[in-house]
Amino acid sequence: MATQHRPTHPPDNQDPLDLLQALIETPPSPPDARLQPIALRSTVEQRRHALRRYQMRTRLDTLLHYAERLLMLLTLAIFGYWLIDGPVRDWLHDWQQPAPGTRVANAAPPSGAVPAPAPLGRGHDKGATGAVSMVPLPYTTPDMASAAPDSDFIAPSGHAPAAPVAVAPQPTRLLIPSLALDAPVTEVFVVDGAWQVADYAAGYLHDTALPGDRGNTVLAGHAGLRGGVFRDLGAVAAGDDIYVDAAGWRYHYRMRESKSVWPNQVEVLAPTDAAVLTLLTCTNWDTQRLVVVADLMDSKPSPGP
């Protein structure tokens, strides 16, 4: 019987043998380092298994849960108050008011008419001399700017005079034909260190000059809600006519300049040597005040209501 001899030459591919030898000689891994068996789960079960620790509610989660709902209720309450006290209030005011009896077009004097002499020099010249008020401009609360002690230029702080003393009646009506504005005028005072705010009217700042007199006549008005009489004040252009009714006379002013100032720039309320009209309102998200200055041109008897 013939004897078969094993080949002595190495195999053509030695890599599998080397890998096998390495596996045989490598000691087994410790039990802690061994891989866990794979678990096969459905999509729903795998999601529940992965989120099981995150779905555990703690006391902090409960506190945040109730805080979130409380914040939502407060937001709704604030928005509801603003809605009722703002647009709804304005709508009810407009609905209850009768239609105005006089059109703004009647504000301009008839063509060719000769204005009567302005009744100037009525013996008081309010606002012609005196110190500038250190109270911030209208529509500024005391916490927005510090108010200095009052001067003779403003009403005593803390209360409004029961019966303001004036030689001539106060302005009662403001007309700006270019804005189709025809608004009543009511007097406002300094109360608790801040100017009062007139609703649905232009506010005549107490103790500033009366229309037609030498000095600075100052009117302020809302630019948003509560009538928003000055919402379009920024559209007034140089040369536009402005009319103020007072004591049976219609005073004709002409717009000279428009600018924005900070609430503490009270020099815009300062008395002037000439008869001027200053209009104030909020601008730039209530961070500044829009100031419109107009010069007195002439006056004539008011055409009536």
Protein backbone atom coordinates (compact mmCIF):
# COMPACT_ATOMS: atom_id res chain seq x y z
CA MET A 1 0.00 0.00 0.00
CA ALA A 2 1.40 3.25 -1.08
CA THR A 3 2.02 5.92 1.55
CA GLN A 4 0.71 9.45 0.85
CA HIS A 5 3.05 12.27 1.79
CA ARG A 6 1.68 15.60 3.01
CA PRO A 7 2.81 18.60 1.08
CA THR A 8 5.52 20.49 2.86
CA HIS A 9 4.95 23.84 1.11
CA PRO A 10 2.78 26.36 2.87
CA PRO A 11 -0.79 26.93 1.69
CA ASP A 12 -1.46 29.68 -0.80
CA ASN A 13 -3.64 31.70 1.68
CA GLN A 14 -2.16 32.01 5.17
CA ASP A 15 -4.54 34.68 6.53
CA PRO A 16 -7.31 32.36 7.69
CA LEU A 17 -4.81 30.26 9.56
CA ASP A 18 -3.29 33.29 11.24
CA LEU A 19 -6.72 34.49 12.30
CA LEU A 20 -7.59 31.08 13.71
CA GLN A 21 -4.31 30.93 15.61
CA ALA A 22 -4.91 34.39 17.07
CA LEU A 23 -8.39 33.41 18.24
CA ILE A 24 -7.06 30.26 19.89
CA GLU A 25 -4.29 32.09 21.72
CA THR A 26 -6.44 35.06 22.84
CA PRO A 27 -7.75 34.57 26.38
CA PRO A 28 -11.50 34.90 26.86
CA SER A 29 -12.91 38.33 27.85
CA PRO A 30 -13.99 38.88 31.44
CA PRO A 31 -17.73 38.39 32.09
CA ASP A 32 -18.35 42.13 32.67
CA ALA A 33 -17.08 43.04 29.21
CA ARG A 34 -19.26 40.62 27.35
CA LEU A 35 -22.06 42.00 25.19
CA GLN A 36 -25.62 41.58 26.33
CA PRO A 37 -27.97 39.61 24.20
CA ILE A 38 -29.96 41.60 21.67
CA ALA A 39 -33.66 42.13 22.45
CA LEU A 40 -36.07 42.39 19.57
CA ARG A 41 -38.95 44.80 20.26
CA SER A 42 -41.68 46.45 18.22
CA THR A 43 -41.56 50.18 17.45
CA VAL A 44 -44.14 51.03 20.11
CA GLU A 45 -42.45 48.89 22.73
CA GLN A 46 -39.01 50.28 21.92
CA ARG A 47 -40.31 53.86 22.25
CA ARG A 48 -41.89 53.07 25.60
CA HIS A 49 -38.70 51.38 26.78
CA ALA A 50 -36.50 54.32 25.71
CA LEU A 51 -38.73 57.01 27.30
CA ARG A 52 -39.63 55.19 30.50
CA ARG A 53 -37.29 57.33 32.62
CA TYR A 54 -38.35 60.65 31.05
CA GLN A 55 -42.05 60.05 31.67
CA MET A 56 -41.63 59.88 35.42
CA ARG A 57 -43.31 63.03 36.90
CA THR A 58 -41.42 64.76 39.70
CA ARG A 59 -42.43 67.59 42.04
CA LEU A 60 -40.59 70.04 39.81
CA ASP A 61 -42.54 68.80 36.79
CA THR A 62 -45.80 69.29 38.69
CA LEU A 63 -44.77 72.81 39.72
CA LEU A 64 -43.86 73.73 36.15
CA HIS A 65 -47.15 72.24 34.96
CA TYR A 66 -49.23 74.53 37.19
CA ALA A 67 -46.95 77.53 36.60
CA GLU A 68 -47.47 77.17 32.85
CA ARG A 69 -51.24 77.22 33.22
CA LEU A 70 -51.12 80.15 35.64
CA LEU A 71 -49.01 82.11 33.18
CA MET A 72 -51.50 81.37 30.41
CA LEU A 73 -54.39 82.59 32.58
CA LEU A 74 -52.52 85.80 33.47
CA THR A 75 -51.73 86.42 29.81
CA LEU A 76 -55.39 86.00 28.87
CA ALA A 77 -56.46 88.28 31.73
CA ILE A 78 -54.01 91.04 30.71
CA PHE A 79 -55.02 90.77 27.06
CA GLY A 80 -58.71 90.83 28.00
CA TYR A 81 -58.23 93.92 30.17
CA TRP A 82 -56.37 95.67 27.35
CA LEU A 83 -59.07 94.70 24.87
CA ILE A 84 -61.92 95.95 27.06
CA ASP A 85 -60.14 99.10 28.26
CA GLY A 86 -58.77 99.89 24.79
CA PRO A 87 -60.50 99.04 21.50
CA VAL A 88 -63.83 98.10 23.09
CA ARG A 89 -63.90 101.28 25.15
CA ASP A 90 -63.06 103.37 22.08
CA TRP A 91 -65.79 101.63 20.07
CA LEU A 92 -68.40 102.25 22.79
CA HIS A 93 -67.34 105.90 23.02
CA ASP A 94 -67.66 106.39 19.25
CA TRP A 95 -70.98 104.55 19.21
CA GLN A 96 -72.45 106.73 21.98
CA GLN A 97 -71.21 110.03 20.57
CA PRO A 98 -73.47 111.96 18.19
CA ALA A 99 -72.22 112.84 14.76
CA PRO A 100 -70.19 116.09 14.78
CA GLY A 101 -72.22 119.05 13.67
CA THR A 102 -69.40 121.00 12.05
CA ARG A 103 -67.20 119.81 9.22
CA VAL A 104 -63.46 120.46 9.27
CA ALA A 105 -63.76 122.14 5.89
CA ASN A 106 -65.36 125.11 7.61
CA ALA A 107 -62.14 125.75 9.51
CA ALA A 108 -60.48 127.71 6.71
CA PRO A 109 -61.60 131.32 6.37
CA PRO A 110 -63.53 132.16 3.21
CA SER A 111 -61.55 133.36 0.25
CA GLY A 112 -60.92 137.09 0.28
CA ALA A 113 -62.09 137.54 3.85
CA VAL A 114 -60.08 139.95 5.95
CA PRO A 115 -59.36 138.48 9.40
CA ALA A 116 -60.32 140.58 12.36
CA PRO A 117 -57.45 141.83 14.51
CA ALA A 118 -56.30 139.24 17.00
CA PRO A 119 -57.51 140.06 20.51
CA LEU A 120 -53.98 140.14 21.93
CA GLY A 121 -52.76 141.72 25.13
CA ARG A 122 -55.62 140.80 27.43
CA GLY A 123 -53.60 141.75 30.46
CA HIS A 124 -52.18 138.42 31.63
CA ASP A 125 -49.62 137.17 29.04
CA LYS A 126 -49.62 133.69 30.51
CA GLY A 127 -46.44 131.80 29.79
CA ALA A 128 -44.52 134.88 28.62
CA THR A 129 -42.19 134.76 31.61
CA GLY A 130 -41.37 132.27 34.31
CA ALA A 131 -39.40 129.06 34.84
CA VAL A 132 -39.68 125.92 32.77
CA SER A 133 -41.61 123.08 34.40
CA MET A 134 -39.34 120.28 35.62
CA VAL A 135 -42.18 117.77 35.46
CA PRO A 136 -41.58 115.35 32.54
CA LEU A 137 -43.59 115.80 29.38
CA PRO A 138 -47.17 114.49 29.25
CA TYR A 139 -47.84 110.74 29.14
CA THR A 140 -44.85 110.06 31.40
CA THR A 141 -45.46 108.42 34.77
CA PRO A 142 -43.37 109.46 37.80
CA ASP A 143 -41.41 106.18 37.69
CA MET A 144 -40.26 106.88 34.10
CA ALA A 145 -38.45 110.11 35.03
CA SER A 146 -37.77 111.87 38.31
CA ALA A 147 -39.82 114.99 38.85
CA ALA A 148 -38.28 118.05 40.46
CA PRO A 149 -40.24 120.43 42.71
CA ASP A 150 -42.94 122.31 40.88
CA SER A 151 -42.51 125.92 39.83
CA ASP A 152 -44.97 128.71 39.17
CA PHE A 153 -45.20 127.47 35.60
CA ILE A 154 -47.35 124.47 36.53
CA ALA A 155 -50.24 123.68 38.83
CA PRO A 156 -49.41 122.59 42.41
CA SER A 157 -48.60 118.88 42.51
CA GLY A 158 -51.02 116.48 44.14
CA HIS A 159 -54.36 117.97 43.21
CA ALA A 160 -56.09 119.89 40.45
CA PRO A 161 -57.47 123.33 41.23
CA ALA A 162 -61.19 123.25 41.81
CA ALA A 163 -61.73 126.40 39.75
CA PRO A 164 -58.74 127.50 37.62
CA VAL A 165 -58.37 131.26 37.62
CA ALA A 166 -57.94 132.74 34.15
CA VAL A 167 -58.67 136.12 32.71
CA ALA A 168 -59.89 134.59 29.45
CA PRO A 169 -61.61 131.25 28.78
CA GLN A 170 -59.53 128.20 27.92
CA PRO A 171 -59.28 126.70 24.39
CA THR A 172 -62.20 124.44 23.61
CA ARG A 173 -61.56 123.06 20.14
CA LEU A 174 -58.66 122.06 17.87
CA LEU A 175 -58.88 121.72 14.10
CA ILE A 176 -56.20 120.53 11.66
CA PRO A 177 -57.76 120.38 8.17
CA SER A 178 -54.83 118.50 6.60
CA LEU A 179 -55.48 115.62 9.05
CA ALA A 180 -59.28 115.92 9.01
CA LEU A 181 -58.96 116.45 12.77
CA ASP A 182 -61.71 118.15 14.74
CA ALA A 183 -61.25 117.44 18.46
CA PRO A 184 -62.47 119.02 21.69
CA VAL A 185 -59.93 120.50 24.11
CA THR A 186 -60.01 119.96 27.86
CA GLU A 187 -57.67 121.35 30.50
CA VAL A 188 -55.23 119.00 32.26
CA PHE A 189 -53.10 119.48 35.38
CA VAL A 190 -50.10 118.01 37.17
CA VAL A 191 -51.25 115.37 39.64
CA ASP A 192 -48.84 113.32 41.79
CA GLY A 193 -45.85 114.56 39.83
CA ALA A 194 -47.17 113.72 36.35
CA TRP A 195 -49.38 115.42 33.80
CA GLN A 196 -52.93 114.17 33.50
CA VAL A 197 -53.92 112.51 30.23
CA ALA A 198 -57.01 113.70 28.35
CA ASP A 199 -59.17 110.92 26.90
CA TYR A 200 -60.94 111.49 23.56
CA ALA A 201 -59.72 115.09 23.50
CA ALA A 202 -56.62 117.23 23.25
CA GLY A 203 -55.34 118.27 26.68
CA TYR A 204 -54.54 121.94 27.28
CA LEU A 205 -51.64 122.06 29.76
CA HIS A 206 -52.74 124.24 32.66
CA ASP A 207 -51.02 127.60 33.03
CA THR A 208 -49.46 127.64 29.58
CA ALA A 209 -50.33 130.62 27.39
CA LEU A 210 -53.88 131.09 26.19
CA PRO A 211 -54.50 131.22 22.42
CA GLY A 212 -53.76 134.64 20.99
CA ASP A 213 -51.57 135.69 23.89
CA ARG A 214 -47.82 136.12 23.87
CA GLY A 215 -46.34 132.82 25.02
CA ASN A 216 -46.41 129.06 24.41
CA THR A 217 -49.83 127.39 24.19
CA VAL A 218 -49.32 123.63 24.72
CA LEU A 219 -51.79 120.89 23.77
CA ALA A 220 -51.12 117.17 24.20
CA GLY A 221 -53.05 114.16 22.91
CA HIS A 222 -52.99 110.38 22.63
CA ALA A 223 -51.45 108.75 19.57
CA GLY A 224 -53.05 105.33 20.08
CA LEU A 225 -56.12 104.39 22.10
CA ARG A 226 -58.48 106.59 24.16
CA GLY A 227 -59.45 108.58 21.10
CA GLY A 228 -56.01 108.82 19.51
CA VAL A 229 -56.60 112.44 18.52
CA PHE A 230 -52.93 112.85 17.54
CA ARG A 231 -52.41 109.47 15.86
CA ASP A 232 -51.58 111.23 12.56
CA LEU A 233 -49.73 114.22 14.02
CA GLY A 234 -46.52 113.06 12.37
CA ALA A 235 -48.10 113.67 8.95
CA VAL A 236 -48.42 117.43 9.51
CA ALA A 237 -46.14 119.28 7.09
CA ALA A 238 -44.54 122.68 7.32
CA GLY A 239 -47.01 125.34 6.24
CA ASP A 240 -50.14 123.38 7.24
CA ASP A 241 -52.87 125.38 8.95
CA ILE A 242 -53.95 124.68 12.54
CA TYR A 243 -56.93 126.31 14.24
CA VAL A 244 -57.80 126.69 17.92
CA ASP A 245 -61.18 127.93 19.14
CA ALA A 246 -61.41 129.87 22.41
CA ALA A 247 -63.78 132.47 23.80
CA GLY A 248 -65.70 132.84 20.54
CA TRP A 249 -62.52 133.36 18.47
CA ARG A 250 -60.76 131.08 16.02
CA TYR A 251 -56.96 131.43 16.15
CA HIS A 252 -55.06 130.54 13.01
CA TYR A 253 -51.60 128.96 13.41
CA ARG A 254 -49.20 127.73 10.75
CA MET A 255 -46.95 124.73 11.34
CA ARG A 256 -43.27 125.66 11.48
CA GLU A 257 -41.33 122.56 12.62
CA SER A 258 -41.66 119.00 13.88
CA LYS A 259 -39.16 117.07 16.01
CA SER A 260 -38.81 114.18 18.46
CA VAL A 261 -37.54 114.73 21.99
CA TRP A 262 -37.06 112.68 25.15
CA PRO A 263 -39.64 112.85 27.96
CA ASN A 264 -37.28 114.87 30.16
CA GLN A 265 -36.64 117.57 27.55
CA VAL A 266 -39.09 119.95 29.19
CA GLU A 267 -37.68 122.97 27.41
CA VAL A 268 -40.35 122.48 24.73
CA LEU A 269 -42.82 123.76 27.35
CA ALA A 270 -40.81 126.91 28.02
CA PRO A 271 -42.52 130.29 27.62
CA THR A 272 -41.81 132.17 24.39
CA ASP A 273 -41.77 135.82 23.43
CA ALA A 274 -44.05 135.23 20.43
CA ALA A 275 -47.45 133.55 20.36
CA VAL A 276 -46.84 129.91 19.38
CA LEU A 277 -48.77 126.64 19.60
CA THR A 278 -47.01 123.42 20.66
CA LEU A 279 -48.63 120.02 20.07
CA LEU A 280 -47.30 116.92 21.88
CA THR A 281 -47.89 113.18 21.54
CA CYS A 282 -46.10 109.86 22.00
CA THR A 283 -43.82 108.43 19.33
CA ASN A 284 -41.23 105.67 18.81
CA TRP A 285 -43.06 103.10 20.94
CA ASP A 286 -43.71 105.65 23.71
CA THR A 287 -39.99 106.24 24.28
CA GLN A 288 -40.03 109.78 22.86
CA ARG A 289 -42.41 112.69 22.36
CA LEU A 290 -43.33 114.15 18.97
CA VAL A 291 -43.37 117.96 19.12
CA VAL A 292 -45.08 120.13 16.50
CA VAL A 293 -44.59 123.90 16.75
CA ALA A 294 -46.83 126.41 14.93
CA ASP A 295 -46.81 130.23 14.82
CA LEU A 296 -49.86 132.44 15.25
CA MET A 297 -50.88 134.06 11.96
CA ASP A 298 -54.19 135.81 12.67
CA SER A 299 -57.60 135.33 14.30
CA LYS A 300 -61.25 135.87 13.50
CA PRO A 301 -64.59 135.31 15.18
CA SER A 302 -65.38 131.64 15.45
CA PRO A 303 -67.95 130.47 12.85
CA GLY A 304 -69.87 128.78 15.67
CA PRO A 305 -70.58 125.16 16.60
